């Protein structure tokens, strides 16, 4: 046995967007559909902005290179009092960014190098990793597991990759590890951002695995979980985050992760971005305005579950980590790009989100390799060409 089991997947009521059978899943269908990848490829190579400039920088990022040197694998990785997971974090990012590079180079030059780099990372970790441990393993699984599974989704459905060890008898490779170590350990959904990380992870893992029960469970939790769902994290009237009294980095984490979860569900044919009267956009506008030094209303009675764990609840909105992008050697999450482009495609007026995105993008210009790979939103998630292009 590879890890402690977390029990059965809870049976939840059917909700709009639920799956009924395995054939309901769309592939590729995590962060990127086939149409998304084609839009990215055609515009990046066709000189259309913002894709072209972003691709020029992305293709030279160290994690995008086929010469990236793998740092793992390891049998056990941990996040908590003892942490050793950065090798997995970096390798997963390289697998994903090389997977993005493969459609761009493969369709044109049939360059096999990016295919090889991405799939050898997937197979190496998939056949050697035996456990994920630590008090914060739900964050490790939910955050760093995502580029890992997104790389696999692209290479499987766009690149024809068959994982090492695949067998009708049951293999010993990537999918086995994804199910037991990643998906099964995400079933217990915690509070606030901990819970959001698990929901986000489960949606991605479930689609890759064609797991109807896991997907429906995670979708229901996104909509209804009273400690980790969308309306538990953002006030429906103002958009205030339940973490707003704690600090602004956690506010931006929540925005990013809920947006990334929503992108998966969108590619599965259902819209979570507009849930609860565009609450995710409202939350983005509230956070952007405050972190751009604007004044926002604050309700101390709206706060996260188990706030006592982090010295809450809080009487006032926090100015801790109140900035956007990179500042004085620190970084806050790249949470603005996906939401901005989704809002743009819907014709929504989200001026503060646009200003936040512009500020974030400006803060990473010239950096060889941004810390947060969601900084590449102009390539990965753009929906419309810039005016005049």
Protein backbone atom coordinates (compact mmCIF):
# COMPACT_ATOMS: atom_id res chain seq x y z
CA UNK A 1 0.00 0.00 0.00
CA UNK A 2 1.42 3.36 -1.01
CA UNK A 3 -0.37 5.66 1.43
CA UNK A 4 -3.11 5.81 3.99
CA UNK A 5 -6.49 5.75 2.32
CA UNK A 6 -8.86 8.60 3.04
CA UNK A 7 -12.12 6.72 2.75
CA UNK A 8 -14.79 6.53 0.11
CA UNK A 9 -15.59 9.41 -2.18
CA UNK A 10 -18.70 11.02 -0.64
CA UNK A 11 -21.85 10.72 -2.74
CA UNK A 12 -23.15 14.22 -3.42
CA UNK A 13 -26.40 15.48 -4.95
CA UNK A 14 -26.40 15.94 -8.70
CA UNK A 15 -25.64 19.53 -9.61
CA UNK A 16 -25.64 21.36 -12.90
CA UNK A 17 -22.44 20.48 -14.76
CA UNK A 18 -22.12 17.02 -13.18
CA UNK A 19 -20.95 14.07 -15.25
CA UNK A 20 -23.03 10.91 -15.67
CA UNK A 21 -20.57 8.62 -17.41
CA UNK A 22 -16.88 8.46 -18.26
CA UNK A 23 -17.48 9.34 -21.91
CA UNK A 24 -18.79 12.76 -20.79
CA UNK A 25 -15.22 13.95 -20.20
CA UNK A 26 -13.55 16.11 -22.83
CA UNK A 27 -9.86 15.62 -23.66
CA UNK A 28 -7.58 17.43 -23.61
CA UNK A 29 -9.66 19.28 -21.07
CA UNK A 30 -7.76 20.58 -18.07
CA UNK A 31 -6.30 24.09 -18.38
CA UNK A 32 -6.19 23.74 -22.16
CA UNK A 33 -8.56 22.26 -24.69
CA UNK A 34 -7.39 21.38 -28.18
CA UNK A 35 -8.94 24.64 -29.39
CA UNK A 36 -7.02 26.56 -26.69
CA UNK A 37 -3.74 25.00 -27.79
CA UNK A 38 -4.46 25.77 -31.42
CA UNK A 39 -5.30 29.39 -30.61
CA UNK A 40 -2.04 29.63 -28.68
CA UNK A 41 0.02 28.01 -31.44
CA UNK A 42 -1.41 29.94 -34.38
CA UNK A 43 -1.21 33.32 -32.73
CA UNK A 44 2.20 32.81 -31.15
CA UNK A 45 3.77 31.69 -34.40
CA UNK A 46 1.69 34.12 -36.45
CA UNK A 47 3.00 37.19 -34.67
CA UNK A 48 -0.33 38.09 -33.06
CA UNK A 49 -0.17 39.91 -29.73
CA UNK A 50 -0.20 39.25 -26.82
CA UNK A 51 0.70 35.65 -27.68
CA UNK A 52 3.76 36.35 -29.81
CA UNK A 53 5.74 38.43 -27.32
CA UNK A 54 4.81 36.13 -24.46
CA UNK A 55 5.89 33.08 -26.46
CA UNK A 56 9.20 34.70 -27.33
CA UNK A 57 9.97 35.03 -23.61
CA UNK A 58 8.36 31.72 -22.60
CA UNK A 59 10.35 29.71 -25.15
CA UNK A 60 13.58 30.97 -23.60
CA UNK A 61 12.55 30.28 -20.01
CA UNK A 62 14.79 27.65 -18.44
CA UNK A 63 11.80 25.42 -17.65
CA UNK A 64 10.71 25.49 -21.30
CA UNK A 65 14.00 24.19 -22.65
CA UNK A 66 14.40 20.60 -23.77
CA UNK A 67 17.83 20.74 -22.12
CA UNK A 68 16.30 21.26 -18.66
CA UNK A 69 18.08 18.94 -16.21
CA UNK A 70 15.69 16.87 -14.13
CA UNK A 71 16.18 17.29 -10.37
CA UNK A 72 14.36 14.13 -9.27
CA UNK A 73 12.77 11.72 -8.93
CA UNK A 74 12.58 10.82 -5.23
CA UNK A 75 10.60 8.07 -3.55
CA UNK A 76 9.07 10.31 -0.89
CA UNK A 77 8.37 14.04 -0.94
CA UNK A 78 7.18 16.11 2.00
CA UNK A 79 5.80 19.55 2.77
CA UNK A 80 5.61 20.53 6.41
CA UNK A 81 8.09 20.68 9.27
CA UNK A 82 10.44 18.80 6.95
CA UNK A 83 10.18 19.82 3.30
CA UNK A 84 12.01 18.40 0.30
CA UNK A 85 9.54 18.98 -2.49
CA UNK A 86 11.22 21.69 -4.58
CA UNK A 87 12.71 19.12 -6.95
CA UNK A 88 9.19 17.91 -7.73
CA UNK A 89 7.92 21.48 -8.05
CA UNK A 90 10.60 22.35 -10.57
CA UNK A 91 10.38 19.11 -12.53
CA UNK A 92 6.58 19.34 -12.76
CA UNK A 93 6.86 22.88 -14.09
CA UNK A 94 9.44 21.79 -16.67
CA UNK A 95 7.23 18.89 -17.76
CA UNK A 96 4.32 21.29 -18.24
CA UNK A 97 6.26 24.02 -20.03
CA UNK A 98 7.88 21.48 -22.36
CA UNK A 99 4.43 20.06 -23.02
CA UNK A 100 3.31 23.55 -24.03
CA UNK A 101 6.38 23.86 -26.25
CA UNK A 102 5.72 20.54 -27.98
CA UNK A 103 2.61 21.60 -29.94
CA UNK A 104 4.40 24.79 -31.01
CA UNK A 105 7.56 23.11 -32.23
CA UNK A 106 6.11 19.70 -33.05
CA UNK A 107 3.48 20.84 -35.48
CA UNK A 108 6.02 22.92 -37.38
CA UNK A 109 9.42 21.24 -37.14
CA UNK A 110 8.53 17.85 -35.62
CA UNK A 111 11.06 18.57 -32.88
CA UNK A 112 10.97 15.52 -30.62
CA UNK A 113 13.14 17.04 -27.90
CA UNK A 114 10.32 18.73 -25.97
CA UNK A 115 8.20 15.57 -26.15
CA UNK A 116 11.12 13.58 -24.75
CA UNK A 117 11.84 16.04 -21.94
CA UNK A 118 8.23 16.27 -20.77
CA UNK A 119 7.46 12.54 -20.92
CA UNK A 120 10.71 11.38 -19.34
CA UNK A 121 9.93 13.59 -16.33
CA UNK A 122 6.40 12.21 -16.13
CA UNK A 123 7.61 8.62 -16.36
CA UNK A 124 10.49 9.10 -13.93
CA UNK A 125 8.32 10.54 -11.16
CA UNK A 126 5.40 8.27 -12.06
CA UNK A 127 7.42 5.11 -11.58
CA UNK A 128 9.53 6.16 -8.58
CA UNK A 129 7.34 8.25 -6.28
CA UNK A 130 5.83 6.11 -3.51
CA UNK A 131 4.47 8.60 -0.96
CA UNK A 132 3.63 12.24 -0.32
CA UNK A 133 3.70 13.21 3.35
CA UNK A 134 3.77 16.19 5.70
CA UNK A 135 1.23 18.40 7.45
CA UNK A 136 0.94 20.58 4.34
CA UNK A 137 0.80 17.77 1.81
CA UNK A 138 -2.65 18.88 0.65
CA UNK A 139 -1.05 22.11 -0.57
CA UNK A 140 1.84 20.26 -2.22
CA UNK A 141 -0.59 17.91 -3.97
CA UNK A 142 -3.10 20.57 -4.98
CA UNK A 143 -0.60 23.17 -6.17
CA UNK A 144 2.40 21.30 -7.57
CA UNK A 145 0.37 18.34 -8.77
CA UNK A 146 -1.37 20.57 -11.30
CA UNK A 147 1.43 21.28 -13.77
CA UNK A 148 2.30 17.59 -13.41
CA UNK A 149 -1.15 16.37 -14.49
CA UNK A 150 -1.61 19.14 -17.07
CA UNK A 151 1.63 18.10 -18.73
CA UNK A 152 0.38 14.51 -18.84
CA UNK A 153 -2.99 15.56 -20.28
CA UNK A 154 -1.35 17.43 -23.14
CA UNK A 155 1.22 14.76 -23.92
CA UNK A 156 -1.32 11.95 -23.73
CA UNK A 157 -3.96 13.53 -25.96
CA UNK A 158 -1.86 15.76 -28.21
CA UNK A 159 1.44 13.89 -28.24
CA UNK A 160 0.36 10.25 -28.15
CA UNK A 161 2.29 9.50 -24.96
CA UNK A 162 1.64 6.10 -23.34
CA UNK A 163 2.94 6.05 -19.78
CA UNK A 164 5.72 3.68 -18.78
CA UNK A 165 4.34 0.55 -17.14
CA UNK A 166 0.87 0.79 -18.72
CA UNK A 167 -0.80 -2.63 -18.80
CA UNK A 168 -4.28 -4.13 -18.95
CA UNK A 169 -3.36 -5.84 -15.68
CA UNK A 170 -2.83 -2.48 -14.01
CA UNK A 171 0.41 -0.61 -14.32
CA UNK A 172 2.94 0.91 -11.99
CA UNK A 173 3.36 4.29 -13.59
CA UNK A 174 1.96 7.79 -13.72
CA UNK A 175 -1.78 7.06 -13.48
CA UNK A 176 -1.38 4.70 -10.52
CA UNK A 177 0.51 7.37 -8.61
CA UNK A 178 -1.92 10.07 -9.67
CA UNK A 179 -4.86 8.09 -8.32
CA UNK A 180 -3.42 6.85 -5.03
CA UNK A 181 -1.01 9.62 -4.04
CA UNK A 182 -2.66 12.70 -5.48
CA UNK A 183 -6.40 12.17 -6.00
CA UNK A 184 -7.12 9.92 -3.00
CA UNK A 185 -5.19 12.18 -0.62
CA UNK A 186 -7.26 15.18 -1.72
CA UNK A 187 -10.65 13.75 -0.75
CA UNK A 188 -10.68 15.33 2.71
CA UNK A 189 -11.34 18.97 1.88
CA UNK A 190 -10.07 21.43 4.45
CA UNK A 191 -10.94 25.05 5.11
CA UNK A 192 -10.33 28.22 3.09
CA UNK A 193 -7.31 28.00 0.77
CA UNK A 194 -6.42 24.51 2.01
CA UNK A 195 -9.80 23.35 0.81
CA UNK A 196 -9.60 25.31 -2.42
CA UNK A 197 -6.26 23.64 -3.22
CA UNK A 198 -7.89 20.21 -2.80
CA UNK A 199 -10.94 21.13 -4.87
CA UNK A 200 -8.72 22.53 -7.60
CA UNK A 201 -6.56 19.43 -7.55
CA UNK A 202 -9.45 16.99 -7.55
CA UNK A 203 -11.07 18.60 -10.60
CA UNK A 204 -7.83 18.22 -12.57
CA UNK A 205 -7.05 14.71 -11.37
CA UNK A 206 -10.62 13.52 -11.92
CA UNK A 207 -10.72 14.68 -15.53
CA UNK A 208 -7.42 13.01 -16.33
CA UNK A 209 -8.57 9.78 -14.68
CA UNK A 210 -12.13 9.95 -16.12
CA UNK A 211 -13.36 9.59 -12.53
CA UNK A 212 -17.02 10.62 -12.48
CA UNK A 213 -17.45 10.35 -8.70
CA UNK A 214 -14.37 12.44 -7.89
CA UNK A 215 -15.29 15.10 -10.44
CA UNK A 216 -18.87 15.46 -9.23
CA UNK A 217 -17.70 15.58 -5.62
CA UNK A 218 -15.21 18.37 -6.34
CA UNK A 219 -17.68 20.32 -8.47
CA UNK A 220 -20.29 20.15 -5.72
CA UNK A 221 -17.71 21.28 -3.16
CA UNK A 222 -16.73 24.27 -5.30
CA UNK A 223 -20.35 25.36 -5.34
CA UNK A 224 -21.49 24.35 -1.87
CA UNK A 225 -18.73 23.60 0.63
CA UNK A 226 -19.39 25.87 3.60
CA UNK A 227 -15.70 26.28 4.43
CA UNK A 228 -13.97 26.00 1.04
CA UNK A 229 -16.55 26.73 -1.65
CA UNK A 230 -16.71 29.92 -3.68
CA UNK A 231 -19.26 31.71 -1.48
CA UNK A 232 -17.37 30.66 1.66
CA UNK A 233 -14.31 32.44 0.30
CA UNK A 234 -15.87 35.62 -1.11
CA UNK A 235 -18.68 37.76 0.23
CA UNK A 236 -21.48 37.82 -2.31
CA UNK A 237 -22.29 41.48 -1.71
CA UNK A 238 -18.85 43.09 -1.81
CA UNK A 239 -16.41 40.44 -3.05
CA UNK A 240 -14.41 40.63 0.18
CA UNK A 241 -12.20 37.59 0.71
CA UNK A 242 -12.63 35.54 3.87
CA UNK A 243 -8.83 35.88 4.23
CA UNK A 244 -8.83 39.69 3.82
CA UNK A 245 -8.21 40.28 7.52
CA UNK A 246 -5.31 37.82 7.52
CA UNK A 247 -3.07 39.04 4.69
CA UNK A 248 -3.23 39.83 0.99
CA UNK A 249 -1.02 37.00 -0.29
CA UNK A 250 -3.60 34.44 0.82
CA UNK A 251 -6.36 36.51 -0.78
CA UNK A 252 -4.52 36.37 -4.10
CA UNK A 253 -3.81 32.64 -3.69
CA UNK A 254 -7.53 31.98 -3.37
CA UNK A 255 -8.34 34.02 -6.45
CA UNK A 256 -5.73 32.24 -8.53
CA UNK A 257 -6.72 28.74 -7.46
CA UNK A 258 -10.45 29.23 -7.90
CA UNK A 259 -9.81 30.69 -11.37
CA UNK A 260 -7.62 27.73 -12.29
CA UNK A 261 -10.31 25.33 -11.08
CA UNK A 262 -12.94 27.22 -13.07
CA UNK A 263 -10.84 26.95 -16.23
CA UNK A 264 -10.89 23.16 -16.01
CA UNK A 265 -14.65 23.06 -15.56
CA UNK A 266 -15.08 25.49 -18.45
CA UNK A 267 -13.18 23.08 -20.69
CA UNK A 268 -15.56 20.38 -19.48
CA UNK A 269 -18.51 22.40 -20.80
CA UNK A 270 -19.77 24.20 -17.68
CA UNK A 271 -19.26 27.77 -16.50
CA UNK A 272 -18.15 28.42 -12.93
CA UNK A 273 -16.74 31.86 -13.65
CA UNK A 274 -20.25 33.32 -13.69
CA UNK A 275 -21.41 31.41 -10.59
CA UNK A 276 -23.22 33.46 -7.93
CA UNK A 277 -23.64 36.47 -10.20
CA UNK A 278 -20.00 36.67 -11.31
CA UNK A 279 -18.71 36.39 -7.74
CA UNK A 280 -15.19 35.42 -8.80
CA UNK A 281 -14.89 38.61 -10.84
CA UNK A 282 -16.34 40.62 -7.96
CA UNK A 283 -13.73 39.12 -5.65
CA UNK A 284 -10.99 39.97 -8.14
CA UNK A 285 -12.13 43.59 -8.39
CA UNK A 286 -12.27 43.97 -4.60
CA UNK A 287 -8.79 42.51 -4.08
CA UNK A 288 -7.27 44.40 -6.99
CA UNK A 289 -8.66 47.72 -5.80
CA UNK A 290 -7.39 47.26 -2.25
CA UNK A 291 -3.96 46.02 -3.34
CA UNK A 292 -3.70 49.02 -5.68
CA UNK A 293 -4.12 51.19 -2.57
CA UNK A 294 -7.82 51.83 -3.06
CA UNK A 295 -10.40 51.95 -0.26
CA UNK A 296 -12.82 49.04 0.09
CA UNK A 297 -15.53 48.17 2.63
CA UNK A 298 -14.59 45.57 5.23
CA UNK A 299 -16.98 43.39 7.23
CA UNK A 300 -15.21 41.75 10.22
CA UNK A 301 -18.07 39.26 10.55
CA UNK A 302 -17.16 37.64 7.22
CA UNK A 303 -14.13 35.45 7.80
CA UNK A 304 -12.87 31.95 7.04
CA UNK A 305 -13.61 28.76 8.92
CA UNK A 306 -11.11 27.91 11.65
CA UNK A 307 -9.70 31.44 11.57
CA UNK A 308 -8.36 30.81 15.06
CA UNK A 309 -5.66 28.64 13.45
CA UNK A 310 -4.15 31.81 11.95
CA UNK A 311 -4.85 34.30 14.74
CA UNK A 312 -8.30 35.30 13.52
CA UNK A 313 -10.94 36.49 13.22
CA UNK A 314 -9.72 39.97 12.43
CA UNK A 315 -11.23 43.35 13.30
CA UNK A 316 -9.66 45.13 10.34
CA UNK A 317 -8.57 44.40 6.80
CA UNK A 318 -4.90 43.48 6.67
CA UNK A 319 -2.17 45.52 5.01
CA UNK A 320 0.24 42.58 5.30
CA UNK A 321 1.59 41.65 1.83
CA UNK A 322 -0.45 44.47 0.29
CA UNK A 323 1.15 44.66 -3.13
CA UNK A 324 0.91 43.13 -6.59
CA UNK A 325 3.57 41.18 -8.44
CA UNK A 326 7.24 41.34 -7.51
CA UNK A 327 8.41 43.85 -4.93
CA UNK A 328 11.64 44.09 -2.97
CA UNK A 329 12.54 40.46 -3.59
CA UNK A 330 9.08 39.18 -2.64
CA UNK A 331 6.31 37.90 -4.86
CA UNK A 332 2.55 37.61 -4.66
CA UNK A 333 0.56 35.17 -6.84
CA UNK A 334 -0.03 35.78 -10.54
CA UNK A 335 -3.78 35.62 -10.02
CA UNK A 336 -4.96 38.31 -12.42
CA UNK A 337 -4.36 36.93 -15.92
CA UNK A 338 -6.93 34.14 -16.15
CA UNK A 339 -9.66 36.27 -14.59
CA UNK A 340 -8.84 39.26 -16.78
CA UNK A 341 -9.00 37.28 -20.02
CA UNK A 342 -12.17 35.47 -18.99
CA UNK A 343 -13.78 38.81 -18.17
CA UNK A 344 -12.58 40.29 -21.45
CA UNK A 345 -14.12 37.44 -23.44
CA UNK A 346 -17.44 38.05 -21.66
CA UNK A 347 -17.45 41.81 -22.12
CA UNK A 348 -17.31 42.45 -18.35
CA UNK A 349 -16.16 45.74 -16.93
CA UNK A 350 -13.32 44.79 -14.56
CA UNK A 351 -11.03 47.86 -14.58
CA UNK A 352 -9.24 47.12 -11.30
CA UNK A 353 -8.38 43.60 -12.44
CA UNK A 354 -6.94 45.00 -15.66
CA UNK A 355 -4.84 47.50 -13.74
CA UNK A 356 -3.61 44.76 -11.43
CA UNK A 357 -2.67 42.54 -14.37
CA UNK A 358 -0.81 45.39 -16.07
CA UNK A 359 1.10 46.13 -12.87
CA UNK A 360 1.94 42.48 -12.34
CA UNK A 361 3.12 42.07 -15.93
CA UNK A 362 5.30 45.13 -15.62
CA UNK A 363 6.87 43.81 -12.45
CA UNK A 364 8.08 40.61 -14.16
CA UNK A 365 9.32 42.13 -17.41
CA UNK A 366 12.96 41.34 -17.91
CA UNK A 367 12.96 38.46 -15.44
CA UNK A 368 14.64 35.39 -16.87
CA UNK A 369 12.21 32.98 -15.20
CA UNK A 370 9.25 34.30 -13.19
CA UNK A 371 8.64 32.41 -9.95
CA UNK A 372 4.95 31.87 -10.72
CA UNK A 373 4.45 30.25 -14.12
CA UNK A 374 0.92 31.68 -14.23
CA UNK A 375 2.81 34.87 -15.10
CA UNK A 376 2.63 33.55 -18.68
CA UNK A 377 -1.11 34.28 -18.92
CA UNK A 378 -0.63 36.29 -22.13
CA UNK A 379 0.45 33.07 -23.81
CA UNK A 380 -1.47 30.43 -21.86
CA UNK A 381 -4.88 32.05 -21.37
CA UNK A 382 -5.29 35.01 -23.72
CA UNK A 383 -8.68 35.06 -25.44
CA UNK A 384 -8.50 38.16 -27.64
CA UNK A 385 -5.85 39.95 -29.66
CA UNK A 386 -4.69 43.36 -28.55
CA UNK A 387 -6.39 46.28 -30.26
CA UNK A 388 -4.99 46.96 -33.69
CA UNK A 389 -3.49 43.50 -34.01
